[in-house]
Amino acid sequence: MPRLTRWAIRASLLYLGLGFTLGGVMLVAKIAPGHPLVWRLLPAHIEFLLIGWMAQLAMGVGFWILPRFAGGVSRGRESVAWLACVLLNAGAVLAGLGPALDPRGWILLWGRAAEVGAAVVFAAHAWLRVKPPSV
């Protein structure tokens, strides 16, 4: 299994744990009302689970499972896939924490831009590896 895939899957599992923890904190706040600001964790909970866990897991597995180039060893320019992974993580953190830190929405905007950039960069990397089946 390539190193990028291992790191992406590990990071996605960390996001899963963070997302479940934030969700648990909000569930406890429903039973025993505490500080009302606990509900500001909801965007981070959603972002960490949807983007941090699901999208990153899909990217990591996609990098591993897509067909290799001729010769069977090369997965293309791995630096491009690493860039997609870094952009996705930066975007998940910025978009998750942005609403709580910046009410004007600039951090959220930068986070979403990083996530879109990650999707575009990963798609560009994977595009060359997806080929029609040979006849």
N, C-alpha and C. Protein backbone atom coordinates (compact mmCIF):
# COMPACT_ATOMS: atom_id res chain seq x y z
N MET A 1 0.85 -1.17 0.00
CA MET A 1 0.00 0.00 0.00
C MET A 1 0.90 1.24 0.00
N PRO A 2 0.64 2.21 -0.89
CA PRO A 2 1.50 3.40 -0.96
C PRO A 2 1.43 4.24 0.32
N ARG A 3 2.49 4.97 0.54
CA ARG A 3 2.58 5.81 1.75
C ARG A 3 1.47 6.85 1.80
N LEU A 4 1.16 7.46 0.67
CA LEU A 4 0.09 8.46 0.63
C LEU A 4 -1.24 7.85 1.08
N THR A 5 -1.52 6.66 0.63
CA THR A 5 -2.77 5.99 1.02
C THR A 5 -2.79 5.73 2.52
N ARG A 6 -1.68 5.26 3.06
CA ARG A 6 -1.63 5.01 4.51
C ARG A 6 -1.88 6.29 5.30
N TRP A 7 -1.24 7.39 4.89
CA TRP A 7 -1.41 8.65 5.60
C TRP A 7 -2.82 9.19 5.46
N ALA A 8 -3.39 9.08 4.27
CA ALA A 8 -4.75 9.59 4.06
C ALA A 8 -5.75 8.79 4.88
N ILE A 9 -5.59 7.48 4.94
CA ILE A 9 -6.51 6.66 5.72
C ILE A 9 -6.34 6.93 7.21
N ARG A 10 -5.12 7.08 7.66
CA ARG A 10 -4.90 7.41 9.08
C ARG A 10 -5.52 8.77 9.43
N ALA A 11 -5.30 9.75 8.57
CA ALA A 11 -5.88 11.07 8.82
C ALA A 11 -7.40 11.01 8.79
N SER A 12 -7.96 10.22 7.89
CA SER A 12 -9.42 10.10 7.84
C SER A 12 -9.95 9.47 9.12
N LEU A 13 -9.23 8.51 9.67
CA LEU A 13 -9.66 7.92 10.93
C LEU A 13 -9.56 8.91 12.09
N LEU A 14 -8.56 9.79 12.06
CA LEU A 14 -8.49 10.85 13.07
C LEU A 14 -9.68 11.79 12.96
N TYR A 15 -10.04 12.15 11.73
CA TYR A 15 -11.22 12.99 11.54
C TYR A 15 -12.48 12.28 12.01
N LEU A 16 -12.57 10.99 11.79
CA LEU A 16 -13.71 10.22 12.27
C LEU A 16 -13.82 10.31 13.79
N GLY A 17 -12.70 10.13 14.46
CA GLY A 17 -12.69 10.25 15.91
C GLY A 17 -13.05 11.64 16.39
N LEU A 18 -12.49 12.66 15.73
CA LEU A 18 -12.82 14.05 16.10
C LEU A 18 -14.30 14.35 15.86
N GLY A 19 -14.80 13.92 14.71
CA GLY A 19 -16.20 14.17 14.39
C GLY A 19 -17.14 13.49 15.37
N PHE A 20 -16.85 12.24 15.72
CA PHE A 20 -17.68 11.53 16.69
C PHE A 20 -17.59 12.19 18.07
N THR A 21 -16.40 12.65 18.43
CA THR A 21 -16.23 13.32 19.73
C THR A 21 -17.06 14.60 19.79
N LEU A 22 -16.98 15.41 18.74
CA LEU A 22 -17.77 16.64 18.71
C LEU A 22 -19.26 16.32 18.73
N GLY A 23 -19.66 15.30 18.00
CA GLY A 23 -21.07 14.90 18.02
C GLY A 23 -21.50 14.43 19.40
N GLY A 24 -20.63 13.70 20.08
CA GLY A 24 -20.92 13.25 21.44
C GLY A 24 -21.06 14.41 22.42
N VAL A 25 -20.21 15.40 22.26
CA VAL A 25 -20.30 16.59 23.13
C VAL A 25 -21.64 17.29 22.90
N MET A 26 -22.06 17.38 21.66
CA MET A 26 -23.35 18.04 21.38
C MET A 26 -24.53 17.19 21.88
N LEU A 27 -24.41 15.87 21.83
CA LEU A 27 -25.47 15.02 22.37
C LEU A 27 -25.58 15.16 23.88
N VAL A 28 -24.44 15.23 24.55
CA VAL A 28 -24.46 15.43 26.00
C VAL A 28 -25.08 16.79 26.32
N ALA A 29 -24.82 17.80 25.49
CA ALA A 29 -25.38 19.13 25.72
C ALA A 29 -26.90 19.13 25.57
N LYS A 30 -27.45 18.19 24.81
CA LYS A 30 -28.90 18.08 24.71
C LYS A 30 -29.51 17.55 26.00
N ILE A 31 -28.80 16.62 26.65
CA ILE A 31 -29.31 16.01 27.88
C ILE A 31 -29.09 16.93 29.07
N ALA A 32 -27.85 17.42 29.20
CA ALA A 32 -27.49 18.29 30.32
C ALA A 32 -27.04 19.62 29.75
N PRO A 33 -27.98 20.53 29.54
CA PRO A 33 -27.61 21.80 28.90
C PRO A 33 -26.47 22.49 29.64
N GLY A 34 -25.46 22.82 28.87
CA GLY A 34 -24.29 23.51 29.41
C GLY A 34 -24.19 24.87 28.76
N HIS A 35 -23.04 25.13 28.29
CA HIS A 35 -22.79 26.41 27.63
C HIS A 35 -23.46 26.43 26.26
N PRO A 36 -24.18 27.50 25.91
CA PRO A 36 -24.88 27.52 24.61
C PRO A 36 -23.93 27.57 23.41
N LEU A 37 -22.68 27.92 23.63
CA LEU A 37 -21.74 27.98 22.51
C LEU A 37 -21.31 26.60 22.02
N VAL A 38 -21.71 25.54 22.73
CA VAL A 38 -21.34 24.20 22.30
C VAL A 38 -21.92 23.90 20.92
N TRP A 39 -23.01 24.55 20.57
CA TRP A 39 -23.63 24.32 19.27
C TRP A 39 -22.85 24.95 18.13
N ARG A 40 -21.87 25.75 18.46
CA ARG A 40 -20.98 26.27 17.41
C ARG A 40 -20.03 25.19 16.90
N LEU A 41 -20.04 24.03 17.54
CA LEU A 41 -19.24 22.90 17.08
C LEU A 41 -19.89 22.15 15.93
N LEU A 42 -21.15 22.42 15.65
CA LEU A 42 -21.87 21.67 14.62
C LEU A 42 -21.21 21.75 13.25
N PRO A 43 -20.79 22.94 12.76
CA PRO A 43 -20.12 22.96 11.45
C PRO A 43 -18.83 22.12 11.43
N ALA A 44 -18.07 22.15 12.50
CA ALA A 44 -16.84 21.35 12.56
C ALA A 44 -17.18 19.86 12.57
N HIS A 45 -18.22 19.49 13.30
CA HIS A 45 -18.67 18.09 13.34
C HIS A 45 -19.04 17.61 11.94
N ILE A 46 -19.81 18.39 11.24
CA ILE A 46 -20.23 18.01 9.88
C ILE A 46 -19.03 17.97 8.94
N GLU A 47 -18.20 18.99 9.00
CA GLU A 47 -17.06 19.09 8.08
C GLU A 47 -16.06 17.96 8.30
N PHE A 48 -15.77 17.66 9.56
CA PHE A 48 -14.79 16.62 9.86
C PHE A 48 -15.29 15.25 9.41
N LEU A 49 -16.59 15.01 9.52
CA LEU A 49 -17.10 13.70 9.12
C LEU A 49 -17.29 13.60 7.61
N LEU A 50 -17.83 14.63 6.98
CA LEU A 50 -18.09 14.53 5.54
C LEU A 50 -16.84 14.70 4.69
N ILE A 51 -16.06 15.70 4.98
CA ILE A 51 -14.87 15.98 4.16
C ILE A 51 -13.65 15.28 4.74
N GLY A 52 -13.40 15.50 6.03
CA GLY A 52 -12.20 14.93 6.64
C GLY A 52 -12.18 13.42 6.63
N TRP A 53 -13.32 12.81 6.94
CA TRP A 53 -13.35 11.34 6.97
C TRP A 53 -13.71 10.76 5.62
N MET A 54 -14.88 11.08 5.10
CA MET A 54 -15.37 10.39 3.91
C MET A 54 -14.58 10.74 2.65
N ALA A 55 -14.39 12.03 2.39
CA ALA A 55 -13.69 12.43 1.16
C ALA A 55 -12.22 12.00 1.20
N GLN A 56 -11.61 12.15 2.35
CA GLN A 56 -10.20 11.77 2.45
C GLN A 56 -10.01 10.26 2.34
N LEU A 57 -10.92 9.50 2.93
CA LEU A 57 -10.85 8.05 2.79
C LEU A 57 -11.01 7.66 1.32
N ALA A 58 -11.95 8.30 0.63
CA ALA A 58 -12.16 8.00 -0.79
C ALA A 58 -10.93 8.36 -1.62
N MET A 59 -10.32 9.50 -1.32
CA MET A 59 -9.12 9.89 -2.06
C MET A 59 -7.96 8.93 -1.80
N GLY A 60 -7.77 8.54 -0.55
CA GLY A 60 -6.68 7.63 -0.22
C GLY A 60 -6.85 6.27 -0.88
N VAL A 61 -8.05 5.73 -0.82
CA VAL A 61 -8.30 4.44 -1.45
C VAL A 61 -8.26 4.57 -2.97
N GLY A 62 -8.78 5.69 -3.49
CA GLY A 62 -8.74 5.92 -4.93
C GLY A 62 -7.31 5.98 -5.47
N PHE A 63 -6.43 6.64 -4.73
CA PHE A 63 -5.03 6.70 -5.15
C PHE A 63 -4.43 5.30 -5.21
N TRP A 64 -4.78 4.46 -4.27
CA TRP A 64 -4.24 3.11 -4.18
C TRP A 64 -4.82 2.20 -5.25
N ILE A 65 -6.12 2.31 -5.51
CA ILE A 65 -6.80 1.30 -6.31
C ILE A 65 -6.87 1.61 -7.80
N LEU A 66 -6.72 2.87 -8.19
CA LEU A 66 -6.77 3.19 -9.62
C LEU A 66 -5.64 2.49 -10.36
N PRO A 67 -5.86 2.15 -11.61
CA PRO A 67 -4.82 1.42 -12.36
C PRO A 67 -3.51 2.18 -12.42
N ARG A 68 -2.43 1.42 -12.40
CA ARG A 68 -1.10 2.02 -12.53
C ARG A 68 -0.76 2.19 -14.00
N PHE A 69 0.25 2.98 -14.25
CA PHE A 69 0.70 3.17 -15.61
C PHE A 69 1.41 1.91 -16.10
N ALA A 70 1.78 1.91 -17.36
CA ALA A 70 2.45 0.75 -17.96
C ALA A 70 3.67 0.37 -17.12
N GLY A 71 3.87 -0.88 -16.97
CA GLY A 71 4.98 -1.36 -16.16
C GLY A 71 4.53 -1.74 -14.77
N GLY A 72 3.38 -1.26 -14.33
CA GLY A 72 2.79 -1.67 -13.08
C GLY A 72 3.34 -1.05 -11.81
N VAL A 73 4.24 -0.10 -11.90
CA VAL A 73 4.79 0.46 -10.67
C VAL A 73 4.39 1.91 -10.46
N SER A 74 4.31 2.68 -11.49
CA SER A 74 4.11 4.11 -11.35
C SER A 74 2.64 4.48 -11.17
N ARG A 75 2.38 5.33 -10.21
CA ARG A 75 1.05 5.88 -10.01
C ARG A 75 0.99 7.33 -10.47
N GLY A 76 1.92 7.71 -11.28
CA GLY A 76 1.96 9.09 -11.76
C GLY A 76 2.75 9.97 -10.81
N ARG A 77 2.57 11.26 -10.94
CA ARG A 77 3.28 12.21 -10.07
C ARG A 77 2.62 12.24 -8.70
N GLU A 78 3.26 11.57 -7.76
CA GLU A 78 2.70 11.50 -6.41
C GLU A 78 2.64 12.85 -5.74
N SER A 79 3.52 13.76 -6.13
CA SER A 79 3.50 15.09 -5.51
C SER A 79 2.17 15.80 -5.76
N VAL A 80 1.55 15.53 -6.89
CA VAL A 80 0.24 16.13 -7.18
C VAL A 80 -0.82 15.56 -6.24
N ALA A 81 -0.78 14.27 -6.01
CA ALA A 81 -1.73 13.65 -5.09
C ALA A 81 -1.49 14.11 -3.65
N TRP A 82 -0.22 14.30 -3.28
CA TRP A 82 0.08 14.83 -1.95
C TRP A 82 -0.47 16.25 -1.80
N LEU A 83 -0.35 17.05 -2.85
CA LEU A 83 -0.90 18.40 -2.82
C LEU A 83 -2.40 18.35 -2.60
N ALA A 84 -3.10 17.44 -3.27
CA ALA A 84 -4.53 17.30 -3.07
C ALA A 84 -4.86 16.93 -1.63
N CYS A 85 -4.06 16.06 -1.05
CA CYS A 85 -4.27 15.64 0.33
C CYS A 85 -4.05 16.81 1.31
N VAL A 86 -3.02 17.58 1.07
CA VAL A 86 -2.73 18.73 1.93
C VAL A 86 -3.85 19.78 1.80
N LEU A 87 -4.28 20.05 0.57
CA LEU A 87 -5.36 21.00 0.36
C LEU A 87 -6.65 20.53 1.02
N LEU A 88 -6.95 19.26 0.94
CA LEU A 88 -8.17 18.74 1.54
C LEU A 88 -8.14 18.88 3.06
N ASN A 89 -7.00 18.58 3.67
CA ASN A 89 -6.89 18.71 5.12
C ASN A 89 -6.97 20.16 5.56
N ALA A 90 -6.28 21.03 4.84
CA ALA A 90 -6.35 22.46 5.17
C ALA A 90 -7.78 22.97 5.01
N GLY A 91 -8.44 22.55 3.94
CA GLY A 91 -9.81 22.97 3.72
C GLY A 91 -10.76 22.47 4.79
N ALA A 92 -10.60 21.21 5.20
CA ALA A 92 -11.48 20.66 6.23
C ALA A 92 -11.32 21.40 7.56
N VAL A 93 -10.09 21.70 7.92
CA VAL A 93 -9.85 22.41 9.18
C VAL A 93 -10.38 23.84 9.09
N LEU A 94 -10.06 24.54 8.00
CA LEU A 94 -10.51 25.92 7.86
C LEU A 94 -12.03 26.02 7.78
N ALA A 95 -12.64 25.16 6.97
CA ALA A 95 -14.10 25.22 6.83
C ALA A 95 -14.80 24.73 8.09
N GLY A 96 -14.19 23.82 8.82
CA GLY A 96 -14.80 23.34 10.05
C GLY A 96 -14.74 24.33 11.18
N LEU A 97 -13.60 24.98 11.32
CA LEU A 97 -13.42 25.92 12.43
C LEU A 97 -13.78 27.36 12.05
N GLY A 98 -13.87 27.63 10.76
CA GLY A 98 -14.14 28.98 10.28
C GLY A 98 -15.38 29.63 10.85
N PRO A 99 -16.53 28.97 10.85
CA PRO A 99 -17.73 29.61 11.38
C PRO A 99 -17.62 29.99 12.85
N ALA A 100 -16.87 29.23 13.63
CA ALA A 100 -16.71 29.55 15.05
C ALA A 100 -15.69 30.67 15.27
N LEU A 101 -14.71 30.79 14.36
CA LEU A 101 -13.64 31.76 14.55
C LEU A 101 -13.87 33.09 13.84
N ASP A 102 -14.57 33.05 12.73
CA ASP A 102 -14.73 34.25 11.89
C ASP A 102 -16.19 34.38 11.46
N PRO A 103 -16.96 35.21 12.14
CA PRO A 103 -18.38 35.33 11.78
C PRO A 103 -18.61 35.95 10.40
N ARG A 104 -17.61 36.63 9.85
CA ARG A 104 -17.78 37.22 8.51
C ARG A 104 -17.66 36.18 7.41
N GLY A 105 -17.05 35.04 7.67
CA GLY A 105 -17.03 33.95 6.73
C GLY A 105 -15.81 33.85 5.84
N TRP A 106 -14.77 34.65 6.09
CA TRP A 106 -13.58 34.58 5.23
C TRP A 106 -12.82 33.28 5.39
N ILE A 107 -12.72 32.81 6.62
CA ILE A 107 -12.00 31.54 6.84
C ILE A 107 -12.75 30.40 6.18
N LEU A 108 -14.07 30.41 6.30
CA LEU A 108 -14.89 29.39 5.64
C LEU A 108 -14.70 29.43 4.13
N LEU A 109 -14.64 30.63 3.58
CA LEU A 109 -14.44 30.77 2.14
C LEU A 109 -13.10 30.19 1.70
N TRP A 110 -12.05 30.47 2.44
CA TRP A 110 -10.73 29.92 2.11
C TRP A 110 -10.72 28.41 2.26
N GLY A 111 -11.43 27.91 3.26
CA GLY A 111 -11.52 26.47 3.45
C GLY A 111 -12.23 25.79 2.29
N ARG A 112 -13.33 26.37 1.86
CA ARG A 112 -14.06 25.80 0.71
C ARG A 112 -13.21 25.87 -0.56
N ALA A 113 -12.48 26.96 -0.73
CA ALA A 113 -11.61 27.08 -1.91
C ALA A 113 -10.53 26.01 -1.89
N ALA A 114 -9.98 25.72 -0.72
CA ALA A 114 -8.97 24.68 -0.62
C ALA A 114 -9.57 23.30 -0.93
N GLU A 115 -10.79 23.06 -0.47
CA GLU A 115 -11.44 21.78 -0.76
C GLU A 115 -11.73 21.61 -2.25
N VAL A 116 -12.20 22.67 -2.88
CA VAL A 116 -12.43 22.61 -4.33
C VAL A 116 -11.11 22.40 -5.06
N GLY A 117 -10.07 23.10 -4.61
CA GLY A 117 -8.75 22.91 -5.20
C GLY A 117 -8.26 21.47 -5.05
N ALA A 118 -8.51 20.87 -3.89
CA ALA A 118 -8.12 19.47 -3.68
C ALA A 118 -8.85 18.55 -4.63
N ALA A 119 -10.14 18.79 -4.83
CA ALA A 119 -10.91 17.95 -5.74
C ALA A 119 -10.41 18.08 -7.17
N VAL A 120 -10.12 19.31 -7.58
CA VAL A 120 -9.64 19.53 -8.95
C VAL A 120 -8.26 18.90 -9.15
N VAL A 121 -7.37 19.10 -8.19
CA VAL A 121 -6.01 18.55 -8.30
C VAL A 121 -6.05 17.02 -8.30
N PHE A 122 -6.85 16.42 -7.42
CA PHE A 122 -6.92 14.97 -7.39
C PHE A 122 -7.55 14.42 -8.66
N ALA A 123 -8.59 15.08 -9.16
CA ALA A 123 -9.23 14.64 -10.40
C ALA A 123 -8.25 14.72 -11.57
N ALA A 124 -7.44 15.78 -11.61
CA ALA A 124 -6.44 15.91 -12.68
C ALA A 124 -5.41 14.79 -12.58
N HIS A 125 -5.03 14.44 -11.36
CA HIS A 125 -4.07 13.35 -11.18
C HIS A 125 -4.68 12.01 -11.59
N ALA A 126 -5.92 11.76 -11.19
CA ALA A 126 -6.55 10.47 -11.45
C ALA A 126 -7.00 10.33 -12.90
N TRP A 127 -7.27 11.45 -13.57
CA TRP A 127 -7.79 11.42 -14.93
C TRP A 127 -6.90 10.63 -15.87
N LEU A 128 -5.61 10.80 -15.74
CA LEU A 128 -4.68 10.12 -16.63
C LEU A 128 -4.59 8.62 -16.35
N ARG A 129 -4.96 8.21 -15.15
CA ARG A 129 -4.86 6.81 -14.78
C ARG A 129 -6.10 6.00 -15.16
N VAL A 130 -7.19 6.68 -15.43
CA VAL A 130 -8.42 5.99 -15.79
C VAL A 130 -8.44 5.82 -17.31
N LYS A 131 -8.39 4.58 -17.75
CA LYS A 131 -8.33 4.29 -19.17
C LYS A 131 -9.44 3.30 -19.51
N PRO A 132 -9.94 3.34 -20.73
CA PRO A 132 -10.96 2.35 -21.10
C PRO A 132 -10.34 0.95 -21.14
N PRO A 133 -11.16 -0.05 -20.88
CA PRO A 133 -10.60 -1.41 -20.93
C PRO A 133 -10.17 -1.75 -22.34
N SER A 134 -9.07 -2.45 -22.43
CA SER A 134 -8.57 -2.81 -23.76
C SER A 134 -9.44 -3.91 -24.35
N VAL A 135 -9.55 -3.85 -25.65
CA VAL A 135 -10.42 -4.81 -26.34
C VAL A 135 -9.66 -6.09 -26.60
